Amino acid sequence: MMEIIISILALLVCFLIYVLHRISRRVFYFVSNLEETFFSLESFREHLELVYGLETFYGDDTLQSLLEHGKELSDFLRESQSVFSLDEKEFLKYVEDKDNTGETSQAVEE
């Protein structure tokens, strides 16, 4: 009887190891794509600032609002990137600090 229980537990552990391996591969893929997204967005923002600084476009309201929107999006993604790099204890402190300032945290809502 004990051999059957040990065999079932061994199979369960092997299955869990397999599942964790698959999940870790997906998380690694997601994080690497996320880093590329941050880099691309930052590059876009720098390019937009360069175009806005040209004499032909200087002072254009549409381009100025596009530049501000790109900066806000870049700042939001930079904050998201820093949250992804936190360990569990730091993440919980971050969420607590966000809640104490009156802001709603998307991480808590999801």
PDB file of N, CA and C in Angstrom:
ATOM      1  N   MET A   1       0.811  -1.190   0.000  1.00  0.00           N
ATOM      2  CA  MET A   1       0.000   0.000   0.000  1.00  0.00           C
ATOM      3  C   MET A   1       0.864   1.266   0.000  1.00  0.00           C
ATOM      4  N   MET A   2       1.934   1.252   0.810  1.00  0.00           N
ATOM      5  CA  MET A   2       2.839   2.392   0.897  1.00  0.00           C
ATOM      6  C   MET A   2       3.522   2.660  -0.442  1.00  0.00           C
ATOM      7  N   GLU A   3       3.838   1.586  -1.203  1.00  0.00           N
ATOM      8  CA  GLU A   3       4.503   1.743  -2.497  1.00  0.00           C
ATOM      9  C   GLU A   3       3.592   2.464  -3.490  1.00  0.00           C
ATOM     10  N   ILE A   4       2.295   2.203  -3.417  1.00  0.00           N
ATOM     11  CA  ILE A   4       1.340   2.845  -4.320  1.00  0.00           C
ATOM     12  C   ILE A   4       1.261   4.347  -4.024  1.00  0.00           C
ATOM     13  N   ILE A   5       1.217   4.697  -2.751  1.00  0.00           N
ATOM     14  CA  ILE A   5       1.149   6.107  -2.356  1.00  0.00           C
ATOM     15  C   ILE A   5       2.416   6.835  -2.784  1.00  0.00           C
ATOM     16  N   ILE A   6       3.573   6.208  -2.569  1.00  0.00           N
ATOM     17  CA  ILE A   6       4.845   6.814  -2.973  1.00  0.00           C
ATOM     18  C   ILE A   6       4.890   6.982  -4.486  1.00  0.00           C
ATOM     19  N   SER A   7       4.407   5.999  -5.230  1.00  0.00           N
ATOM     20  CA  SER A   7       4.390   6.084  -6.692  1.00  0.00           C
ATOM     21  C   SER A   7       3.485   7.216  -7.167  1.00  0.00           C
ATOM     22  N   ILE A   8       2.316   7.341  -6.561  1.00  0.00           N
ATOM     23  CA  ILE A   8       1.390   8.413  -6.941  1.00  0.00           C
ATOM     24  C   ILE A   8       1.997   9.781  -6.630  1.00  0.00           C
ATOM     25  N   LEU A   9       2.617   9.895  -5.460  1.00  0.00           N
ATOM     26  CA  LEU A   9       3.253  11.164  -5.095  1.00  0.00           C
ATOM     27  C   LEU A   9       4.420  11.487  -6.033  1.00  0.00           C
ATOM     28  N   ALA A  10       5.195  10.484  -6.404  1.00  0.00           N
ATOM     29  CA  ALA A  10       6.308  10.699  -7.331  1.00  0.00           C
ATOM     30  C   ALA A  10       5.796  11.169  -8.690  1.00  0.00           C
ATOM     31  N   LEU A  11       4.719  10.558  -9.170  1.00  0.00           N
ATOM     32  CA  LEU A  11       4.123  10.985 -10.444  1.00  0.00           C
ATOM     33  C   LEU A  11       3.592  12.409 -10.339  1.00  0.00           C
ATOM     34  N   LEU A  12       2.981  12.723  -9.223  1.00  0.00           N
ATOM     35  CA  LEU A  12       2.459  14.067  -9.015  1.00  0.00           C
ATOM     36  C   LEU A  12       3.589  15.099  -9.001  1.00  0.00           C
ATOM     37  N   VAL A  13       4.677  14.785  -8.330  1.00  0.00           N
ATOM     38  CA  VAL A  13       5.823  15.696  -8.285  1.00  0.00           C
ATOM     39  C   VAL A  13       6.405  15.876  -9.684  1.00  0.00           C
ATOM     40  N   CYS A  14       6.541  14.788 -10.439  1.00  0.00           N
ATOM     41  CA  CYS A  14       7.056  14.884 -11.814  1.00  0.00           C
ATOM     42  C   CYS A  14       6.146  15.753 -12.675  1.00  0.00           C
ATOM     43  N   PHE A  15       4.842  15.580 -12.525  1.00  0.00           N
ATOM     44  CA  PHE A  15       3.896  16.379 -13.288  1.00  0.00           C
ATOM     45  C   PHE A  15       4.014  17.860 -12.921  1.00  0.00           C
ATOM     46  N   LEU A  16       4.125  18.154 -11.635  1.00  0.00           N
ATOM     47  CA  LEU A  16       4.251  19.544 -11.195  1.00  0.00           C
ATOM     48  C   LEU A  16       5.549  20.175 -11.687  1.00  0.00           C
ATOM     49  N   ILE A  17       6.626  19.415 -11.700  1.00  0.00           N
ATOM     50  CA  ILE A  17       7.897  19.916 -12.226  1.00  0.00           C
ATOM     51  C   ILE A  17       7.755  20.248 -13.706  1.00  0.00           C
ATOM     52  N   TYR A  18       7.082  19.370 -14.444  1.00  0.00           N
ATOM     53  CA  TYR A  18       6.850  19.604 -15.873  1.00  0.00           C
ATOM     54  C   TYR A  18       6.016  20.876 -16.084  1.00  0.00           C
ATOM     55  N   VAL A  19       4.964  21.050 -15.310  1.00  0.00           N
ATOM     56  CA  VAL A  19       4.112  22.223 -15.436  1.00  0.00           C
ATOM     57  C   VAL A  19       4.888  23.492 -15.087  1.00  0.00           C
ATOM     58  N   LEU A  20       5.663  23.474 -14.028  1.00  0.00           N
ATOM     59  CA  LEU A  20       6.466  24.635 -13.644  1.00  0.00           C
ATOM     60  C   LEU A  20       7.490  24.983 -14.715  1.00  0.00           C
ATOM     61  N   HIS A  21       8.072  23.973 -15.324  1.00  0.00           N
ATOM     62  CA  HIS A  21       9.030  24.209 -16.409  1.00  0.00           C
ATOM     63  C   HIS A  21       8.345  24.913 -17.571  1.00  0.00           C
ATOM     64  N   ARG A  22       7.168  24.456 -17.960  1.00  0.00           N
ATOM     65  CA  ARG A  22       6.435  25.072 -19.076  1.00  0.00           C
ATOM     66  C   ARG A  22       6.031  26.506 -18.733  1.00  0.00           C
ATOM     67  N   ILE A  23       5.582  26.723 -17.518  1.00  0.00           N
ATOM     68  CA  ILE A  23       5.189  28.066 -17.102  1.00  0.00           C
ATOM     69  C   ILE A  23       6.392  28.995 -17.081  1.00  0.00           C
ATOM     70  N   SER A  24       7.517  28.527 -16.578  1.00  0.00           N
ATOM     71  CA  SER A  24       8.702  29.379 -16.519  1.00  0.00           C
ATOM     72  C   SER A  24       9.184  29.755 -17.915  1.00  0.00           C
ATOM     73  N   ARG A  25       9.055  28.860 -18.883  1.00  0.00           N
ATOM     74  CA  ARG A  25       9.425  29.189 -20.268  1.00  0.00           C
ATOM     75  C   ARG A  25       8.520  30.283 -20.814  1.00  0.00           C
ATOM     76  N   ARG A  26       7.233  30.197 -20.521  1.00  0.00           N
ATOM     77  CA  ARG A  26       6.298  31.218 -21.009  1.00  0.00           C
ATOM     78  C   ARG A  26       6.551  32.560 -20.339  1.00  0.00           C
ATOM     79  N   VAL A  27       6.833  32.543 -19.052  1.00  0.00           N
ATOM     80  CA  VAL A  27       7.115  33.793 -18.347  1.00  0.00           C
ATOM     81  C   VAL A  27       8.387  34.424 -18.896  1.00  0.00           C
ATOM     82  N   PHE A  28       9.410  33.629 -19.146  1.00  0.00           N
ATOM     83  CA  PHE A  28      10.655  34.148 -19.711  1.00  0.00           C
ATOM     84  C   PHE A  28      10.393  34.779 -21.072  1.00  0.00           C
ATOM     85  N   TYR A  29       9.598  34.123 -21.911  1.00  0.00           N
ATOM     86  CA  TYR A  29       9.261  34.662 -23.222  1.00  0.00           C
ATOM     87  C   TYR A  29       8.502  35.981 -23.078  1.00  0.00           C
ATOM     88  N   PHE A  30       7.551  36.035 -22.149  1.00  0.00           N
ATOM     89  CA  PHE A  30       6.769  37.243 -21.918  1.00  0.00           C
ATOM     90  C   PHE A  30       7.664  38.388 -21.460  1.00  0.00           C
ATOM     91  N   VAL A  31       8.554  38.130 -20.527  1.00  0.00           N
ATOM     92  CA  VAL A  31       9.432  39.178 -20.000  1.00  0.00           C
ATOM     93  C   VAL A  31      10.368  39.685 -21.085  1.00  0.00           C
ATOM     94  N   SER A  32      10.910  38.781 -21.900  1.00  0.00           N
ATOM     95  CA  SER A  32      11.814  39.233 -22.956  1.00  0.00           C
ATOM     96  C   SER A  32      11.064  40.086 -23.978  1.00  0.00           C
ATOM     97  N   ASN A  33       9.826  39.720 -24.308  1.00  0.00           N
ATOM     98  CA  ASN A  33       9.031  40.553 -25.216  1.00  0.00           C
ATOM     99  C   ASN A  33       8.668  41.886 -24.579  1.00  0.00           C
ATOM    100  N   LEU A  34       8.424  41.883 -23.302  1.00  0.00           N
ATOM    101  CA  LEU A  34       8.102  43.109 -22.596  1.00  0.00           C
ATOM    102  C   LEU A  34       9.292  44.066 -22.613  1.00  0.00           C
ATOM    103  N   GLU A  35      10.488  43.548 -22.432  1.00  0.00           N
ATOM    104  CA  GLU A  35      11.683  44.389 -22.479  1.00  0.00           C
ATOM    105  C   GLU A  35      11.868  44.992 -23.869  1.00  0.00           C
ATOM    106  N   GLU A  36      11.600  44.219 -24.909  1.00  0.00           N
ATOM    107  CA  GLU A  36      11.652  44.748 -26.269  1.00  0.00           C
ATOM    108  C   GLU A  36      10.634  45.853 -26.465  1.00  0.00           C
ATOM    109  N   THR A  37       9.453  45.676 -25.903  1.00  0.00           N
ATOM    110  CA  THR A  37       8.415  46.694 -26.011  1.00  0.00           C
ATOM    111  C   THR A  37       8.856  47.981 -25.338  1.00  0.00           C
ATOM    112  N   PHE A  38       9.455  47.887 -24.152  1.00  0.00           N
ATOM    113  CA  PHE A  38       9.949  49.074 -23.460  1.00  0.00           C
ATOM    114  C   PHE A  38      11.008  49.778 -24.304  1.00  0.00           C
ATOM    115  N   PHE A  39      11.911  49.014 -24.876  1.00  0.00           N
ATOM    116  CA  PHE A  39      12.969  49.597 -25.690  1.00  0.00           C
ATOM    117  C   PHE A  39      12.378  50.291 -26.915  1.00  0.00           C
ATOM    118  N   SER A  40      11.437  49.650 -27.593  1.00  0.00           N
ATOM    119  CA  SER A  40      10.831  50.232 -28.791  1.00  0.00           C
ATOM    120  C   SER A  40      10.082  51.512 -28.468  1.00  0.00           C
ATOM    121  N   LEU A  41       9.358  51.506 -27.373  1.00  0.00           N
ATOM    122  CA  LEU A  41       8.603  52.697 -26.995  1.00  0.00           C
ATOM    123  C   LEU A  41       9.537  53.846 -26.638  1.00  0.00           C
ATOM    124  N   GLU A  42      10.595  53.561 -25.951  1.00  0.00           N
ATOM    125  CA  GLU A  42      11.560  54.599 -25.594  1.00  0.00           C
ATOM    126  C   GLU A  42      12.217  55.164 -26.855  1.00  0.00           C
ATOM    127  N   SER A  43      12.527  54.302 -27.792  1.00  0.00           N
ATOM    128  CA  SER A  43      13.099  54.734 -29.062  1.00  0.00           C
ATOM    129  C   SER A  43      12.112  55.620 -29.822  1.00  0.00           C
ATOM    130  N   PHE A  44      10.836  55.245 -29.819  1.00  0.00           N
ATOM    131  CA  PHE A  44       9.804  56.044 -30.468  1.00  0.00           C
ATOM    132  C   PHE A  44       9.699  57.418 -29.824  1.00  0.00           C
ATOM    133  N   ARG A  45       9.727  57.457 -28.507  1.00  0.00           N
ATOM    134  CA  ARG A  45       9.619  58.735 -27.799  1.00  0.00           C
ATOM    135  C   ARG A  45      10.793  59.651 -28.137  1.00  0.00           C
ATOM    136  N   GLU A  46      11.998  59.085 -28.183  1.00  0.00           N
ATOM    137  CA  GLU A  46      13.174  59.883 -28.530  1.00  0.00           C
ATOM    138  C   GLU A  46      13.072  60.409 -29.958  1.00  0.00           C
ATOM    139  N   HIS A  47      12.585  59.573 -30.871  1.00  0.00           N
ATOM    140  CA  HIS A  47      12.422  59.993 -32.255  1.00  0.00           C
ATOM    141  C   HIS A  47      11.375  61.097 -32.359  1.00  0.00           C
ATOM    142  N   LEU A  48      10.293  60.957 -31.630  1.00  0.00           N
ATOM    143  CA  LEU A  48       9.239  61.969 -31.637  1.00  0.00           C
ATOM    144  C   LEU A  48       9.764  63.294 -31.087  1.00  0.00           C
ATOM    145  N   GLU A  49      10.566  63.242 -30.038  1.00  0.00           N
ATOM    146  CA  GLU A  49      11.156  64.469 -29.490  1.00  0.00           C
ATOM    147  C   GLU A  49      12.083  65.118 -30.498  1.00  0.00           C
ATOM    148  N   LEU A  50      12.830  64.319 -31.241  1.00  0.00           N
ATOM    149  CA  LEU A  50      13.718  64.839 -32.267  1.00  0.00           C
ATOM    150  C   LEU A  50      12.916  65.553 -33.352  1.00  0.00           C
ATOM    151  N   VAL A  51      11.825  64.944 -33.809  1.00  0.00           N
ATOM    152  CA  VAL A  51      10.978  65.563 -34.831  1.00  0.00           C
ATOM    153  C   VAL A  51      10.349  66.839 -34.301  1.00  0.00           C
ATOM    154  N   TYR A  52       9.898  66.836 -33.070  1.00  0.00           N
ATOM    155  CA  TYR A  52       9.271  68.019 -32.491  1.00  0.00           C
ATOM    156  C   TYR A  52      10.261  69.178 -32.396  1.00  0.00           C
ATOM    157  N   GLY A  53      11.527  68.859 -32.203  1.00  0.00           N
ATOM    158  CA  GLY A  53      12.540  69.896 -32.080  1.00  0.00           C
ATOM    159  C   GLY A  53      12.925  70.532 -33.402  1.00  0.00           C
ATOM    160  N   LEU A  54      12.538  69.963 -34.515  1.00  0.00           N
ATOM    161  CA  LEU A  54      12.854  70.556 -35.813  1.00  0.00           C
ATOM    162  C   LEU A  54      12.112  71.881 -35.976  1.00  0.00           C
ATOM    163  N   GLU A  55      12.723  72.815 -36.705  1.00  0.00           N
ATOM    164  CA  GLU A  55      12.130  74.139 -36.858  1.00  0.00           C
ATOM    165  C   GLU A  55      10.774  74.097 -37.545  1.00  0.00           C
ATOM    166  N   THR A  56      10.596  73.208 -38.487  1.00  0.00           N
ATOM    167  CA  THR A  56       9.354  73.145 -39.244  1.00  0.00           C
ATOM    168  C   THR A  56       8.172  72.796 -38.343  1.00  0.00           C
ATOM    169  N   PHE A  57       8.406  71.927 -37.361  1.00  0.00           N
ATOM    170  CA  PHE A  57       7.320  71.436 -36.524  1.00  0.00           C
ATOM    171  C   PHE A  57       7.281  72.088 -35.150  1.00  0.00           C
ATOM    172  N   TYR A  58       8.236  72.932 -34.834  1.00  0.00           N
ATOM    173  CA  TYR A  58       8.312  73.494 -33.492  1.00  0.00           C
ATOM    174  C   TYR A  58       7.048  74.301 -33.184  1.00  0.00           C
ATOM    175  N   GLY A  59       6.387  73.959 -32.097  1.00  0.00           N
ATOM    176  CA  GLY A  59       5.193  74.660 -31.674  1.00  0.00           C
ATOM    177  C   GLY A  59       3.896  74.066 -32.193  1.00  0.00           C
ATOM    178  N   ASP A  60       3.968  73.009 -32.975  1.00  0.00           N
ATOM    179  CA  ASP A  60       2.755  72.375 -33.491  1.00  0.00           C
ATOM    180  C   ASP A  60       2.017  71.714 -32.327  1.00  0.00           C
ATOM    181  N   ASP A  61       0.759  72.114 -32.111  1.00  0.00           N
ATOM    182  CA  ASP A  61      -0.009  71.612 -30.967  1.00  0.00           C
ATOM    183  C   ASP A  61      -0.271  70.115 -31.058  1.00  0.00           C
ATOM    184  N   THR A  62      -0.577  69.637 -32.271  1.00  0.00           N
ATOM    185  CA  THR A  62      -0.858  68.207 -32.440  1.00  0.00           C
ATOM    186  C   THR A  62       0.366  67.379 -32.105  1.00  0.00           C
ATOM    187  N   LEU A  63       1.502  67.815 -32.614  1.00  0.00           N
ATOM    188  CA  LEU A  63       2.745  67.089 -32.342  1.00  0.00           C
ATOM    189  C   LEU A  63       3.121  67.193 -30.866  1.00  0.00           C
ATOM    190  N   GLN A  64       2.859  68.345 -30.257  1.00  0.00           N
ATOM    191  CA  GLN A  64       3.144  68.516 -28.829  1.00  0.00           C
ATOM    192  C   GLN A  64       2.299  67.564 -27.994  1.00  0.00           C
ATOM    193  N   SER A  65       1.004  67.443 -28.313  1.00  0.00           N
ATOM    194  CA  SER A  65       0.151  66.536 -27.543  1.00  0.00           C
ATOM    195  C   SER A  65       0.545  65.080 -27.785  1.00  0.00           C
ATOM    196  N   LEU A  66       0.975  64.760 -29.010  1.00  0.00           N
ATOM    197  CA  LEU A  66       1.456  63.405 -29.300  1.00  0.00           C
ATOM    198  C   LEU A  66       2.720  63.112 -28.510  1.00  0.00           C
ATOM    199  N   LEU A  67       3.587  64.098 -28.415  1.00  0.00           N
ATOM    200  CA  LEU A  67       4.810  63.941 -27.629  1.00  0.00           C
ATOM    201  C   LEU A  67       4.489  63.730 -26.155  1.00  0.00           C
ATOM    202  N   GLU A  68       3.555  64.493 -25.612  1.00  0.00           N
ATOM    203  CA  GLU A  68       3.168  64.333 -24.212  1.00  0.00           C
ATOM    204  C   GLU A  68       2.528  62.967 -23.965  1.00  0.00           C
ATOM    205  N   HIS A  69       1.691  62.527 -24.893  1.00  0.00           N
ATOM    206  CA  HIS A  69       1.057  61.216 -24.759  1.00  0.00           C
ATOM    207  C   HIS A  69       2.100  60.109 -24.797  1.00  0.00           C
ATOM    208  N   GLY A  70       3.065  60.222 -25.701  1.00  0.00           N
ATOM    209  CA  GLY A  70       4.149  59.239 -25.763  1.00  0.00           C
ATOM    210  C   GLY A  70       4.962  59.217 -24.482  1.00  0.00           C
ATOM    211  N   LYS A  71       5.202  60.392 -23.908  1.00  0.00           N
ATOM    212  CA  LYS A  71       5.957  60.467 -22.653  1.00  0.00           C
ATOM    213  C   LYS A  71       5.174  59.821 -21.511  1.00  0.00           C
ATOM    214  N   GLU A  72       3.863  60.101 -21.440  1.00  0.00           N
ATOM    215  CA  GLU A  72       3.044  59.493 -20.390  1.00  0.00           C
ATOM    216  C   GLU A  72       3.022  57.974 -20.515  1.00  0.00           C
ATOM    217  N   LEU A  73       2.882  57.494 -21.738  1.00  0.00           N
ATOM    218  CA  LEU A  73       2.882  56.052 -21.974  1.00  0.00           C
ATOM    219  C   LEU A  73       4.229  55.447 -21.615  1.00  0.00           C
ATOM    220  N   SER A  74       5.298  56.126 -21.987  1.00  0.00           N
ATOM    221  CA  SER A  74       6.637  55.656 -21.651  1.00  0.00           C
ATOM    222  C   SER A  74       6.845  55.609 -20.139  1.00  0.00           C
ATOM    223  N   ASP A  75       6.388  56.640 -19.437  1.00  0.00           N
ATOM    224  CA  ASP A  75       6.517  56.664 -17.975  1.00  0.00           C
ATOM    225  C   ASP A  75       5.714  55.539 -17.330  1.00  0.00           C
ATOM    226  N   PHE A  76       4.500  55.307 -17.834  1.00  0.00           N
ATOM    227  CA  PHE A  76       3.672  54.229 -17.307  1.00  0.00           C
ATOM    228  C   PHE A  76       4.348  52.873 -17.508  1.00  0.00           C
ATOM    229  N   LEU A  77       4.886  52.654 -18.696  1.00  0.00           N
ATOM    230  CA  LEU A  77       5.544  51.372 -18.963  1.00  0.00           C
ATOM    231  C   LEU A  77       6.845  51.233 -18.171  1.00  0.00           C
ATOM    232  N   ARG A  78       7.532  52.338 -17.942  1.00  0.00           N
ATOM    233  CA  ARG A  78       8.752  52.282 -17.127  1.00  0.00           C
ATOM    234  C   ARG A  78       8.397  51.875 -15.695  1.00  0.00           C
ATOM    235  N   GLU A  79       7.285  52.430 -15.174  1.00  0.00           N
ATOM    236  CA  GLU A  79       6.831  52.047 -13.833  1.00  0.00           C
ATOM    237  C   GLU A  79       6.427  50.573 -13.809  1.00  0.00           C
ATOM    238  N   SER A  80       5.742  50.135 -14.859  1.00  0.00           N
ATOM    239  CA  SER A  80       5.352  48.725 -14.943  1.00  0.00           C
ATOM    240  C   SER A  80       6.587  47.827 -14.980  1.00  0.00           C
ATOM    241  N   GLN A  81       7.600  48.249 -15.704  1.00  0.00           N
ATOM    242  CA  GLN A  81       8.830  47.474 -15.778  1.00  0.00           C
ATOM    243  C   GLN A  81       9.481  47.362 -14.404  1.00  0.00           C
ATOM    244  N   SER A  82       9.475  48.451 -13.644  1.00  0.00           N
ATOM    245  CA  SER A  82      10.080  48.391 -12.312  1.00  0.00           C
ATOM    246  C   SER A  82       9.276  47.483 -11.394  1.00  0.00           C
ATOM    247  N   VAL A  83       7.948  47.447 -11.561  1.00  0.00           N
ATOM    248  CA  VAL A  83       7.114  46.568 -10.747  1.00  0.00           C
ATOM    249  C   VAL A  83       7.422  45.110 -11.075  1.00  0.00           C
ATOM    250  N   PHE A  84       7.631  44.797 -12.361  1.00  0.00           N
ATOM    251  CA  PHE A  84       7.943  43.422 -12.746  1.00  0.00           C
ATOM    252  C   PHE A  84       9.275  42.955 -12.166  1.00  0.00           C
ATOM    253  N   SER A  85      10.183  43.881 -11.921  1.00  0.00           N
ATOM    254  CA  SER A  85      11.498  43.483 -11.423  1.00  0.00           C
ATOM    255  C   SER A  85      11.537  43.361  -9.897  1.00  0.00           C
ATOM    256  N   LEU A  86      10.445  43.682  -9.217  1.00  0.00           N
ATOM    257  CA  LEU A  86      10.408  43.588  -7.752  1.00  0.00           C
ATOM    258  C   LEU A  86      10.236  42.142  -7.300  1.00  0.00           C
ATOM    259  N   ASP A  87      10.840  41.818  -6.152  1.00  0.00           N
ATOM    260  CA  ASP A  87      10.533  40.516  -5.570  1.00  0.00           C
ATOM    261  C   ASP A  87       9.207  40.645  -4.802  1.00  0.00           C
ATOM    262  N   GLU A  88       8.737  39.545  -4.240  1.00  0.00           N
ATOM    263  CA  GLU A  88       7.397  39.526  -3.640  1.00  0.00           C
ATOM    264  C   GLU A  88       7.250  40.533  -2.505  1.00  0.00           C
ATOM    265  N   LYS A  89       8.242  40.621  -1.630  1.00  0.00           N
ATOM    266  CA  LYS A  89       8.169  41.521  -0.484  1.00  0.00           C
ATOM    267  C   LYS A  89       8.132  42.982  -0.954  1.00  0.00           C
ATOM    268  N   GLU A  90       8.990  43.328  -1.925  1.00  0.00           N
ATOM    269  CA  GLU A  90       9.004  44.687  -2.453  1.00  0.00           C
ATOM    270  C   GLU A  90       7.695  45.010  -3.167  1.00  0.00           C
ATOM    271  N   PHE A  91       7.139  44.017  -3.892  1.00  0.00           N
ATOM    272  CA  PHE A  91       5.887  44.215  -4.610  1.00  0.00           C
ATOM    273  C   PHE A  91       4.747  44.514  -3.640  1.00  0.00           C
ATOM    274  N   LEU A  92       4.674  43.760  -2.551  1.00  0.00           N
ATOM    275  CA  LEU A  92       3.614  43.998  -1.563  1.00  0.00           C
ATOM    276  C   LEU A  92       3.747  45.381  -0.934  1.00  0.00           C
ATOM    277  N   LYS A  93       4.979  45.812  -0.680  1.00  0.00           N
ATOM    278  CA  LYS A  93       5.201  47.161  -0.140  1.00  0.00           C
ATOM    279  C   LYS A  93       4.781  48.210  -1.168  1.00  0.00           C
ATOM    280  N   TYR A  94       5.099  47.976  -2.438  1.00  0.00           N
ATOM    281  CA  TYR A  94       4.701  48.902  -3.503  1.00  0.00           C
ATOM    282  C   TYR A  94       3.181  49.041  -3.572  1.00  0.00           C
ATOM    283  N   VAL A  95       2.481  47.914  -3.524  1.00  0.00           N
ATOM    284  CA  VAL A  95       1.014  47.927  -3.588  1.00  0.00           C
ATOM    285  C   VAL A  95       0.446  48.651  -2.372  1.00  0.00           C
ATOM    286  N   GLU A  96       1.014  48.391  -1.207  1.00  0.00           N
ATOM    287  CA  GLU A  96       0.542  49.048   0.020  1.00  0.00           C
ATOM    288  C   GLU A  96       0.758  50.556  -0.061  1.00  0.00           C
ATOM    289  N   ASP A  97       1.925  50.980  -0.563  1.00  0.00           N
ATOM    290  CA  ASP A  97       2.200  52.410  -0.699  1.00  0.00           C
ATOM    291  C   ASP A  97       1.247  53.059  -1.693  1.00  0.00           C
ATOM    292  N   LYS A  98       0.951  52.378  -2.785  1.00  0.00           N
ATOM    293  CA  LYS A  98       0.014  52.904  -3.785  1.00  0.00           C
ATOM    294  C   LYS A  98      -1.367  53.079  -3.171  1.00  0.00           C
ATOM    295  N   ASP A  99      -1.805  52.085  -2.395  1.00  0.00           N
ATOM    296  CA  ASP A  99      -3.125  52.151  -1.774  1.00  0.00           C
ATOM    297  C   ASP A  99      -3.193  53.256  -0.727  1.00  0.00           C
ATOM    298  N   ASN A 100      -2.102  53.486  -0.017  1.00  0.00           N
ATOM    299  CA  ASN A 100      -2.073  54.523   1.013  1.00  0.00           C
ATOM    300  C   ASN A 100      -2.115  55.925   0.423  1.00  0.00           C
ATOM    301  N   THR A 101      -1.660  56.081  -0.822  1.00  0.00           N
ATOM    302  CA  THR A 101      -1.691  57.402  -1.449  1.00  0.00           C
ATOM    303  C   THR A 101      -3.023  57.680  -2.108  1.00  0.00           C
ATOM    304  N   GLY A 102      -3.941  56.710  -2.058  1.00  0.00           N
ATOM    305  CA  GLY A 102      -5.270  56.914  -2.608  1.00  0.00           C
ATOM    306  C   GLY A 102      -5.409  56.459  -4.043  1.00  0.00           C
ATOM    307  N   GLU A 103      -4.335  55.973  -4.636  1.00  0.00           N
ATOM    308  CA  GLU A 103      -4.408  55.495  -6.006  1.00  0.00           C
ATOM    309  C   GLU A 103      -4.836  54.043  -5.989  1.00  0.00           C
ATOM    310  N   THR A 104      -5.588  53.645  -6.993  1.00  0.00           N
ATOM    311  CA  THR A 104      -5.961  52.233  -7.092  1.00  0.00           C
ATOM    312  C   THR A 104      -4.881  51.523  -7.863  1.00  0.00           C
ATOM    313  N   SER A 105      -4.541  50.359  -7.390  1.00  0.00           N
ATOM    314  CA  SER A 105      -3.494  49.581  -8.027  1.00  0.00           C
ATOM    315  C   SER A 105      -4.127  48.553  -8.960  1.00  0.00           C
ATOM    316  N   GLN A 106      -3.695  48.547 -10.207  1.00  0.00           N
ATOM    317  CA  GLN A 106      -4.222  47.592 -11.168  1.00  0.00           C
ATOM    318  C   GLN A 106      -3.825  46.172 -10.801  1.00  0.00           C
ATOM    319  N   ALA A 107      -2.667  46.026 -10.193  1.00  0.00           N
ATOM    320  CA  ALA A 107      -2.213  44.684  -9.834  1.00  0.00           C
ATOM    321  C   ALA A 107      -3.144  44.065  -8.801  1.00  0.00           C
ATOM    322  N   VAL A 108      -3.676  44.875  -7.890  1.00  0.00           N
ATOM    323  CA  VAL A 108      -4.568  44.364  -6.876  1.00  0.00           C
ATOM    324  C   VAL A 108      -5.946  44.058  -7.484  1.00  0.00           C
ATOM    325  N   GLU A 109      -6.397  44.921  -8.412  1.00  0.00           N
ATOM    326  CA  GLU A 109      -7.703  44.749  -9.012  1.00  0.00           C
ATOM    327  C   GLU A 109      -7.770  43.499  -9.875  1.00  0.00           C
ATOM    328  N   GLU A 110      -6.660  43.151 -10.531  1.00  0.00           N
ATOM    329  CA  GLU A 110      -6.659  42.002 -11.440  1.00  0.00           C
ATOM    330  C   GLU A 110      -6.462  40.759 -10.688  1.00  0.00           C
TER     331      GLU A 110
END
